[in-house]
Amino acid sequence: MAELRYDGRVAVVTGAGRGLGREYALLLAARGARVVVNDLGSTVRGDTVEGSPAAEVVAEIEAAGGTAVANTDSVATAEGGRAIVACALERFGRLDIVIHNAGNVRYGSLRELTHEDFEAVLDVHLRGAFHVVRPAFPVLADAGYGRVVLTSSIGGLYGNKGVANYAVAKAGMIGLSNVIALEGAESGVRSNVIVPAAVTRLADGLDTSAYPPMGPELTAPAVGWLAHESCSVSGEMFVAVAGRVARAYIAETPGVYQPAWTVEQVGERIDEIRDTADSWVLPTATGHVDHLRKSFALATEALRHVGQGL
């Protein structure tokens, strides 16, 4: 199999100074991409800057013969997002790939979580994605090509205790990616979500002694394919954890149709409503329309039977 390369492509990778983002940047650069290594250098909470990890990654890339530039603008502001995209255009003259990986963590139960900590996490993860995508999308669409990879989490898919801010931000990433996929379809822009799990500094304080190998290098190849021109899908979610790569998806049960409902009837038929047999898996490209079409079809068919006295 021929090696998949990114020669001539320019990539922005946010949060690329450490962990997963660093692996993504190193992989793309090793295969020919010119990379904007974006990292503010913040602590895990995102409230203090420590070190210059972006510059260190650039030095690694250049030492290996690659091309990269360090960028320390913050994704947490619209100005920062515009500056990150401008850095790619000013330094390399184009932009082809956007990987939003920047993140922070602030813990707190629903009894304890402050509004400040809630907003701070959304600012970096979810709003951060929009702050970068908003100026990048017209550039990609106008060029007729683009690959966008946004980072969600199993916490965004299934929730987790003590991180409502993180769960909300990561769940929101799915909706944003779907819109990018829909609006970019006619312009060659594809967008997908990576749901990674790796032992990085975000796992500090957790007991990982029983974990299998879970280095960031196990996630990078999946992101690399989603960022490559050969990527054949858009509007999908991919899990990468401990060597396992899988597709995650949203489904609906066929449900139950009635022309009218009472509260009691919902309770009486809840097992039928929840029955996952023959579930609907609706692709992003047609999901909105398919959802309505299939829902309306059930109602229409039921009414037809009623009209025929069946």
Protein backbone atom coordinates (compact mmCIF):
# COMPACT_ATOMS: atom_id res chain seq x y z
CA MET A 1 0.00 0.00 0.00
CA ALA A 2 1.37 3.40 -0.99
CA GLU A 3 2.07 5.84 1.82
CA LEU A 4 -0.58 8.52 2.20
CA ARG A 5 1.12 11.90 2.17
CA TYR A 6 0.21 15.56 2.55
CA ASP A 7 2.73 17.13 0.22
CA GLY A 8 1.64 20.66 -0.67
CA ARG A 9 -0.97 20.76 2.10
CA VAL A 10 -1.05 23.22 4.98
CA ALA A 11 -2.52 22.16 8.30
CA VAL A 12 -3.54 24.01 11.45
CA VAL A 13 -3.47 21.87 14.59
CA THR A 14 -4.70 23.53 17.76
CA GLY A 15 -3.43 22.35 21.11
CA ALA A 16 -0.48 20.84 19.27
CA GLY A 17 2.19 21.47 21.87
CA ARG A 18 1.58 18.32 23.88
CA GLY A 19 -0.24 14.99 23.90
CA LEU A 20 -2.59 14.16 21.06
CA GLY A 21 -2.11 17.42 19.18
CA ARG A 22 1.65 17.00 19.18
CA GLU A 23 1.30 13.52 17.66
CA TYR A 24 -1.01 14.86 14.96
CA ALA A 25 1.40 17.67 14.08
CA LEU A 26 4.40 15.35 13.97
CA LEU A 27 2.59 12.82 11.79
CA LEU A 28 1.34 15.36 9.25
CA ALA A 29 4.72 17.10 9.05
CA ALA A 30 6.58 13.79 8.65
CA ARG A 31 4.40 13.08 5.62
CA GLY A 32 4.94 16.40 3.91
CA ALA A 33 2.43 18.86 5.35
CA ARG A 34 3.43 22.31 6.45
CA VAL A 35 1.99 22.73 9.92
CA VAL A 36 0.85 25.62 12.09
CA VAL A 37 1.54 24.29 15.57
CA ASN A 38 -0.89 26.22 17.74
CA ASP A 39 -0.55 26.08 21.51
CA LEU A 40 -0.84 28.80 24.10
CA GLY A 41 1.21 26.78 26.55
CA SER A 42 -1.47 26.71 29.21
CA THR A 43 -1.83 24.47 32.22
CA VAL A 44 -4.54 21.79 32.18
CA ARG A 45 -7.00 24.27 33.69
CA GLY A 46 -6.10 26.80 31.04
CA ASP A 47 -5.58 29.64 33.47
CA THR A 48 -1.76 29.85 33.50
CA VAL A 49 0.81 29.77 30.72
CA GLU A 50 3.83 27.57 31.32
CA GLY A 51 6.60 26.94 28.83
CA SER A 52 6.66 27.14 25.04
CA PRO A 53 5.46 23.73 23.85
CA ALA A 54 4.52 24.98 20.36
CA ALA A 55 8.09 26.13 19.71
CA GLU A 56 9.42 22.82 21.02
CA VAL A 57 7.25 20.83 18.62
CA VAL A 58 8.29 23.05 15.72
CA ALA A 59 11.90 22.40 16.63
CA GLU A 60 11.22 18.64 16.54
CA ILE A 61 9.57 18.91 13.15
CA GLU A 62 12.35 21.01 11.68
CA ALA A 63 15.03 18.73 13.10
CA ALA A 64 13.36 15.87 11.23
CA GLY A 65 13.39 17.87 7.99
CA GLY A 66 9.79 19.11 8.11
CA THR A 67 8.27 22.58 7.93
CA ALA A 68 6.24 24.21 10.67
CA VAL A 69 5.57 27.46 12.46
CA ALA A 70 4.67 28.02 16.09
CA ASN A 71 1.55 29.98 16.97
CA THR A 72 0.50 30.98 20.48
CA ASP A 73 -2.82 32.70 19.83
CA SER A 74 -5.73 31.56 21.98
CA VAL A 75 -8.63 29.69 20.45
CA ALA A 76 -10.79 31.03 23.29
CA THR A 77 -11.41 34.30 21.45
CA ALA A 78 -12.65 35.16 17.98
CA GLU A 79 -9.55 37.33 17.52
CA GLY A 80 -7.35 34.38 18.38
CA GLY A 81 -9.13 32.13 15.91
CA ARG A 82 -8.70 34.67 13.13
CA ALA A 83 -5.03 35.08 13.99
CA ILE A 84 -4.40 31.33 13.80
CA VAL A 85 -5.90 31.12 10.33
CA ALA A 86 -4.06 34.28 9.27
CA CYS A 87 -0.80 32.71 10.43
CA ALA A 88 -1.28 29.82 8.00
CA LEU A 89 -2.15 32.11 5.12
CA GLU A 90 0.62 34.61 5.78
CA ARG A 91 3.33 32.01 6.36
CA PHE A 92 2.35 29.35 3.83
CA GLY A 93 -0.16 31.03 1.50
CA ARG A 94 -2.96 28.51 1.89
CA LEU A 95 -4.92 26.34 4.29
CA ASP A 96 -6.17 22.79 3.66
CA ILE A 97 -6.58 21.04 7.01
CA VAL A 98 -7.98 22.18 10.35
CA ILE A 99 -7.67 19.91 13.37
CA HIS A 100 -9.15 21.39 16.53
CA ASN A 101 -7.64 19.58 19.48
CA ALA A 102 -7.09 22.35 22.05
CA GLY A 103 -8.65 21.61 25.41
CA ASN A 104 -8.72 22.26 29.11
CA VAL A 105 -10.35 20.60 32.11
CA ARG A 106 -11.98 22.09 35.18
CA TYR A 107 -13.67 19.63 37.49
CA GLY A 108 -16.77 20.16 39.58
CA SER A 109 -20.03 18.37 40.30
CA LEU A 110 -23.34 19.96 39.40
CA ARG A 111 -23.53 21.11 43.03
CA GLU A 112 -20.11 22.74 42.85
CA LEU A 113 -19.27 23.77 39.29
CA THR A 114 -18.93 27.52 38.97
CA HIS A 115 -20.23 29.51 36.04
CA GLU A 116 -16.68 30.70 35.43
CA ASP A 117 -15.36 27.15 35.13
CA PHE A 118 -18.28 26.15 32.92
CA GLU A 119 -17.66 29.01 30.50
CA ALA A 120 -13.87 28.60 30.54
CA VAL A 121 -14.12 25.03 29.23
CA LEU A 122 -16.70 25.90 26.57
CA ASP A 123 -14.50 28.81 25.48
CA VAL A 124 -11.60 26.53 24.59
CA HIS A 125 -13.35 23.40 23.34
CA LEU A 126 -16.62 24.36 21.67
CA ARG A 127 -16.36 28.09 21.09
CA GLY A 128 -12.69 27.50 20.27
CA ALA A 129 -13.72 25.20 17.45
CA PHE A 130 -16.07 27.84 16.05
CA HIS A 131 -13.49 30.60 16.48
CA VAL A 132 -11.08 28.69 14.22
CA VAL A 133 -13.61 27.17 11.82
CA ARG A 134 -15.44 30.44 11.19
CA PRO A 135 -12.47 32.18 9.46
CA ALA A 136 -11.12 28.92 8.04
CA PHE A 137 -14.29 27.68 6.36
CA PRO A 138 -14.53 30.40 3.66
CA VAL A 139 -10.87 29.84 2.82
CA LEU A 140 -11.39 26.09 2.41
CA ALA A 141 -14.69 26.40 0.56
CA ASP A 142 -13.42 29.04 -1.84
CA ALA A 143 -10.42 26.85 -2.65
CA GLY A 144 -12.72 23.89 -3.31
CA TYR A 145 -11.00 21.62 -0.81
CA GLY A 146 -10.73 21.13 2.94
CA ARG A 147 -10.52 18.62 5.74
CA VAL A 148 -11.79 19.49 9.21
CA VAL A 149 -11.39 17.24 12.25
CA LEU A 150 -13.04 18.27 15.51
CA THR A 151 -12.39 16.53 18.82
CA SER A 152 -15.20 15.11 20.91
CA SER A 153 -14.95 12.63 23.76
CA ILE A 154 -16.68 9.62 25.24
CA GLY A 155 -17.66 12.17 27.89
CA GLY A 156 -19.50 14.05 25.16
CA LEU A 157 -21.20 10.90 23.89
CA TYR A 158 -22.09 9.30 27.21
CA GLY A 159 -21.40 11.89 29.90
CA ASN A 160 -19.24 11.57 32.99
CA LYS A 161 -19.55 12.72 36.56
CA GLY A 162 -17.91 15.95 37.62
CA VAL A 163 -17.36 17.43 34.15
CA ALA A 164 -20.65 18.87 32.92
CA ASN A 165 -18.74 21.67 31.19
CA TYR A 166 -16.53 19.20 29.31
CA ALA A 167 -19.46 16.94 28.38
CA VAL A 168 -21.50 19.85 27.01
CA ALA A 169 -18.59 21.20 24.99
CA LYS A 170 -17.71 17.83 23.51
CA ALA A 171 -21.31 17.00 22.64
CA GLY A 172 -21.64 20.35 20.88
CA MET A 173 -18.70 19.47 18.67
CA ILE A 174 -20.83 16.83 16.94
CA GLY A 175 -23.45 19.31 15.83
CA LEU A 176 -20.85 21.79 14.61
CA SER A 177 -19.05 19.15 12.56
CA ASN A 178 -22.32 18.04 10.98
CA VAL A 179 -23.07 21.58 9.84
CA ILE A 180 -19.57 21.96 8.40
CA ALA A 181 -20.07 18.68 6.53
CA LEU A 182 -23.43 19.80 5.15
CA GLU A 183 -22.38 23.30 4.16
CA GLY A 184 -19.04 22.13 2.80
CA ALA A 185 -20.32 19.24 0.73
CA GLU A 186 -20.57 21.18 -2.52
CA SER A 187 -17.14 22.75 -2.04
CA GLY A 188 -15.05 19.69 -1.33
CA VAL A 189 -14.88 20.37 2.41
CA ARG A 190 -15.29 17.30 4.60
CA SER A 191 -15.66 17.37 8.35
CA ASN A 192 -15.58 14.53 10.87
CA VAL A 193 -15.27 14.05 14.60
CA ILE A 194 -12.57 12.09 16.40
CA VAL A 195 -13.46 10.61 19.77
CA PRO A 196 -10.03 9.83 21.22
CA ALA A 197 -8.92 8.32 24.47
CA ALA A 198 -5.25 8.46 25.40
CA VAL A 199 -3.15 8.85 28.49
CA THR A 200 -1.99 12.46 28.35
CA ARG A 201 -1.62 15.20 30.94
CA LEU A 202 -5.44 15.53 30.99
CA ALA A 203 -5.38 12.17 32.78
CA ASP A 204 -3.24 13.55 35.61
CA GLY A 205 -4.68 12.44 38.92
CA LEU A 206 -6.41 9.37 37.50
CA ASP A 207 -5.31 5.83 38.31
CA THR A 208 -4.24 4.48 34.91
CA SER A 209 -2.26 1.51 36.24
CA ALA A 210 -4.74 -1.01 34.84
CA TYR A 211 -5.03 0.64 31.43
CA PRO A 212 -3.69 -1.12 28.32
CA PRO A 213 -1.23 0.84 26.15
CA MET A 214 -3.02 4.12 25.38
CA GLY A 215 -0.44 6.49 23.97
CA PRO A 216 -1.44 9.35 21.65
CA GLU A 217 0.37 7.61 18.81
CA LEU A 218 -2.48 5.06 18.70
CA THR A 219 -4.99 7.79 17.86
CA ALA A 220 -2.93 9.80 15.36
CA PRO A 221 -3.37 7.46 12.34
CA ALA A 222 -7.18 7.75 12.46
CA VAL A 223 -6.93 11.53 12.56
CA GLY A 224 -4.36 11.39 9.80
CA TRP A 225 -6.76 9.54 7.52
CA LEU A 226 -9.63 11.93 8.31
CA ALA A 227 -7.29 14.80 7.39
CA HIS A 228 -6.14 13.21 4.14
CA GLU A 229 -7.52 13.88 0.66
CA SER A 230 -8.46 10.19 0.37
CA CYS A 231 -10.90 10.51 3.28
CA SER A 232 -14.17 9.30 1.78
CA VAL A 233 -16.61 10.20 4.54
CA SER A 234 -18.04 13.36 6.04
CA GLY A 235 -20.29 14.07 9.00
CA GLU A 236 -19.24 10.97 10.90
CA MET A 237 -17.68 10.16 14.28
CA PHE A 238 -14.74 7.84 14.86
CA VAL A 239 -13.58 6.39 18.17
CA ALA A 240 -9.88 5.73 18.67
CA VAL A 241 -8.94 4.13 21.99
CA ALA A 242 -6.17 1.71 22.97
CA GLY A 243 -5.62 0.48 19.41
CA ARG A 244 -9.33 0.20 18.58
CA VAL A 245 -10.79 2.34 15.79
CA ALA A 246 -14.56 2.30 15.43
CA ARG A 247 -17.43 4.35 14.09
CA ALA A 248 -19.86 5.89 16.56
CA TYR A 249 -23.28 6.94 15.33
CA ILE A 250 -26.63 8.29 16.41
CA ALA A 251 -29.65 6.09 15.81
CA GLU A 252 -33.39 6.21 16.37
CA THR A 253 -35.72 3.35 17.17
CA PRO A 254 -38.59 3.04 14.70
CA GLY A 255 -40.82 3.94 17.62
CA VAL A 256 -44.58 3.74 17.76
CA TYR A 257 -47.13 5.82 15.89
CA GLN A 258 -50.50 6.83 17.31
CA PRO A 259 -52.73 9.67 16.09
CA ALA A 260 -52.96 10.91 19.67
CA TRP A 261 -51.26 10.13 22.97
CA THR A 262 -51.89 10.33 26.69
CA VAL A 263 -49.21 10.32 29.36
CA GLU A 264 -50.42 6.90 30.45
CA GLN A 265 -50.14 5.46 26.94
CA VAL A 266 -46.52 6.55 26.66
CA GLY A 267 -45.79 4.63 29.83
CA GLU A 268 -47.75 1.59 28.67
CA ARG A 269 -45.89 1.40 25.37
CA ILE A 270 -42.44 2.49 26.54
CA ASP A 271 -40.88 -0.92 25.83
CA GLU A 272 -42.08 -0.76 22.22
CA ILE A 273 -40.87 2.82 21.92
CA ARG A 274 -37.43 1.84 23.18
CA ASP A 275 -37.10 -1.33 21.08
CA THR A 276 -33.87 -0.97 19.09
CA ALA A 277 -34.71 -3.62 16.50
CA ASP A 278 -34.54 -2.17 12.97
CA SER A 279 -33.15 1.14 14.24
CA TRP A 280 -32.75 4.04 11.84
CA VAL A 281 -29.18 5.16 11.19
CA LEU A 282 -29.51 8.39 9.23
CA PRO A 283 -26.44 9.85 7.49
CA THR A 284 -25.66 13.50 8.05
CA ALA A 285 -26.00 14.32 4.36
CA THR A 286 -29.68 13.38 4.30
CA GLY A 287 -30.47 12.80 7.96
CA HIS A 288 -32.62 15.87 8.53
CA VAL A 289 -34.81 15.11 5.51
CA ASP A 290 -34.78 11.34 6.09
CA HIS A 291 -35.90 11.82 9.69
CA LEU A 292 -38.93 13.82 8.62
CA ARG A 293 -39.68 11.63 5.59
CA LYS A 294 -39.63 8.39 7.56
CA SER A 295 -41.58 9.89 10.46
CA PHE A 296 -44.22 11.30 8.14
CA ALA A 297 -44.41 8.02 6.25
CA LEU A 298 -45.35 6.15 9.42
CA ALA A 299 -48.13 8.60 10.11
CA THR A 300 -49.36 8.56 6.50
CA GLU A 301 -49.39 4.77 6.35
CA ALA A 302 -51.25 4.48 9.64
CA LEU A 303 -53.87 7.01 8.51
CA ARG A 304 -54.27 5.16 5.20
CA HIS A 305 -55.00 1.95 7.07
CA VAL A 306 -57.52 3.75 9.22
CA GLY A 307 -59.20 5.19 6.15
CA GLN A 308 -59.44 1.75 4.58
CA GLY A 309 -60.82 0.29 7.75
CA LEU A 310 -57.87 -2.06 8.17
